[in-house]
C-alpha atoms as a PDB file:
ATOM      1  CA  MET A   1      20.188  -2.474   4.779  1.00  0.00           C
ATOM      2  CA  SER A   2      16.475  -2.683   4.026  1.00  0.00           C
ATOM      3  CA  GLN A   3      13.666  -2.135   6.485  1.00  0.00           C
ATOM      4  CA  LEU A   4      10.652  -4.462   6.452  1.00  0.00           C
ATOM      5  CA  TYR A   5       7.151  -3.473   7.478  1.00  0.00           C
ATOM      6  CA  PHE A   6       3.963  -5.513   7.554  1.00  0.00           C
ATOM      7  CA  PHE A   7       0.418  -4.187   7.334  1.00  0.00           C
ATOM      8  CA  ARG A   8      -3.137  -5.012   6.317  1.00  0.00           C
ATOM      9  CA  ALA A   9      -4.811  -2.915   3.638  1.00  0.00           C
ATOM     10  CA  PHE A  10      -8.522  -2.530   2.970  1.00  0.00           C
ATOM     11  CA  VAL A  11      -9.337  -0.060   0.199  1.00  0.00           C
ATOM     12  CA  SER A  12     -12.890   0.056  -1.154  1.00  0.00           C
ATOM     13  CA  VAL A  13     -13.792  -0.229  -4.818  1.00  0.00           C
ATOM     14  CA  GLU A  14     -15.051   3.357  -4.608  1.00  0.00           C
ATOM     15  CA  ASP A  15     -11.663   4.602  -3.390  1.00  0.00           C
ATOM     16  CA  CYS A  16      -9.947   2.676  -6.198  1.00  0.00           C
ATOM     17  CA  GLU A  17     -12.261   4.370  -8.678  1.00  0.00           C
ATOM     18  CA  ARG A  18     -11.370   7.736  -7.131  1.00  0.00           C
ATOM     19  CA  TYR A  19      -7.705   6.914  -7.835  1.00  0.00           C
ATOM     20  CA  TYR A  20      -8.450   6.386 -11.532  1.00  0.00           C
ATOM     21  CA  GLN A  21     -10.388   9.665 -11.567  1.00  0.00           C
ATOM     22  CA  GLY A  22      -7.327  11.453 -10.179  1.00  0.00           C
ATOM     23  CA  GLN A  23      -8.955  12.280  -6.845  1.00  0.00           C
ATOM     24  CA  VAL A  24      -6.766   9.994  -4.705  1.00  0.00           C
ATOM     25  CA  ILE A  25      -2.998   9.749  -5.117  1.00  0.00           C
ATOM     26  CA  GLN A  26      -1.804   8.455  -1.732  1.00  0.00           C
ATOM     27  CA  VAL A  27      -2.580   5.576   0.622  1.00  0.00           C
ATOM     28  CA  ILE A  28      -1.741   5.858   4.309  1.00  0.00           C
ATOM     29  CA  VAL A  29      -1.158   2.564   6.099  1.00  0.00           C
ATOM     30  CA  THR A  30      -0.356   1.735   9.695  1.00  0.00           C
ATOM     31  CA  THR A  31       2.235  -1.002  10.065  1.00  0.00           C
ATOM     32  CA  GLU A  32       2.162  -3.702  12.714  1.00  0.00           C
ATOM     33  CA  GLN A  33       4.905  -1.681  14.441  1.00  0.00           C
ATOM     34  CA  GLY A  34       2.495   1.262  14.720  1.00  0.00           C
ATOM     35  CA  LEU A  35       4.275   3.396  12.122  1.00  0.00           C
ATOM     36  CA  ARG A  36       2.113   5.368   9.680  1.00  0.00           C
ATOM     37  CA  ILE A  37       3.494   5.300   6.149  1.00  0.00           C
ATOM     38  CA  GLN A  38       2.175   7.239   3.149  1.00  0.00           C
ATOM     39  CA  LEU A  39       2.622   5.510  -0.201  1.00  0.00           C
ATOM     40  CA  PRO A  40       1.685   6.501  -3.740  1.00  0.00           C
ATOM     41  CA  PHE A  41      -1.490   4.661  -4.757  1.00  0.00           C
ATOM     42  CA  LYS A  42       0.208   3.570  -7.981  1.00  0.00           C
ATOM     43  CA  TYR A  43       2.170   0.913  -6.063  1.00  0.00           C
ATOM     44  CA  PHE A  44      -1.109  -0.804  -5.146  1.00  0.00           C
ATOM     45  CA  ARG A  45      -2.399  -1.019  -8.730  1.00  0.00           C
ATOM     46  CA  PRO A  46      -1.302  -4.667  -9.227  1.00  0.00           C
ATOM     47  CA  PHE A  47      -3.379  -5.655  -6.188  1.00  0.00           C
ATOM     48  CA  ILE A  48      -6.710  -4.080  -7.206  1.00  0.00           C
ATOM     49  CA  SER A  49      -9.507  -6.607  -7.675  1.00  0.00           C
ATOM     50  CA  LYS A  50     -13.254  -6.301  -8.100  1.00  0.00           C
ATOM     51  CA  VAL A  51     -13.572  -5.910  -4.305  1.00  0.00           C
ATOM     52  CA  GLY A  52     -10.917  -3.189  -4.138  1.00  0.00           C
ATOM     53  CA  ILE A  53      -7.673  -3.886  -2.300  1.00  0.00           C
ATOM     54  CA  ARG A  54      -7.722  -6.459   0.471  1.00  0.00           C
ATOM     55  CA  GLY A  55      -4.780  -8.247   2.007  1.00  0.00           C
ATOM     56  CA  TYR A  56      -1.732  -8.522   4.173  1.00  0.00           C
ATOM     57  CA  PHE A  57       1.367  -6.837   2.725  1.00  0.00           C
ATOM     58  CA  ARG A  58       5.123  -6.695   3.224  1.00  0.00           C
ATOM     59  CA  LEU A  59       6.822  -3.395   2.445  1.00  0.00           C
ATOM     60  CA  SER A  60      10.578  -3.216   1.951  1.00  0.00           C
ATOM     61  CA  LEU A  61      12.316   0.180   2.107  1.00  0.00           C
ATOM     62  CA  ASP A  62      15.996   0.926   1.501  1.00  0.00           C
ATOM     63  CA  SER A  63      18.152   2.745   4.050  1.00  0.00           C
ATOM     64  CA  ASN A  64      16.972   6.088   2.589  1.00  0.00           C
ATOM     65  CA  GLY A  65      13.301   5.205   3.052  1.00  0.00           C
ATOM     66  CA  ARG A  66      12.678   4.562  -0.653  1.00  0.00           C
ATOM     67  CA  LEU A  67      10.390   1.745  -1.685  1.00  0.00           C
ATOM     68  CA  GLN A  68      12.218  -1.364  -2.821  1.00  0.00           C
ATOM     69  CA  ARG A  69       9.313  -3.775  -2.954  1.00  0.00           C
ATOM     70  CA  LEU A  70       5.658  -4.119  -2.033  1.00  0.00           C
ATOM     71  CA  GLU A  71       4.355  -7.672  -1.849  1.00  0.00           C
ATOM     72  CA  LYS A  72       0.950  -9.088  -1.064  1.00  0.00           C
ATOM     73  CA  ILE A  73       1.472 -11.981   1.326  1.00  0.00           C
ATOM     74  CA  SER A  74      -2.160 -13.048   1.689  1.00  0.00           C
END
């Protein structure tokens, strides 16, 4: 059974650049349920734009806590 979490993410362009320089490897988000989750930055790569990362996301984890899917909802 998968677990669903929803959160907003705001990552600056500068922090995205730091990822590509190898200085940042993790993103910590706080879900609407109040849970803090640490995710590898690489999962956010498809969502990087010229303003960084902005949006509302749905995170799906399997029963072992492994990422199944990360989707940008808006």
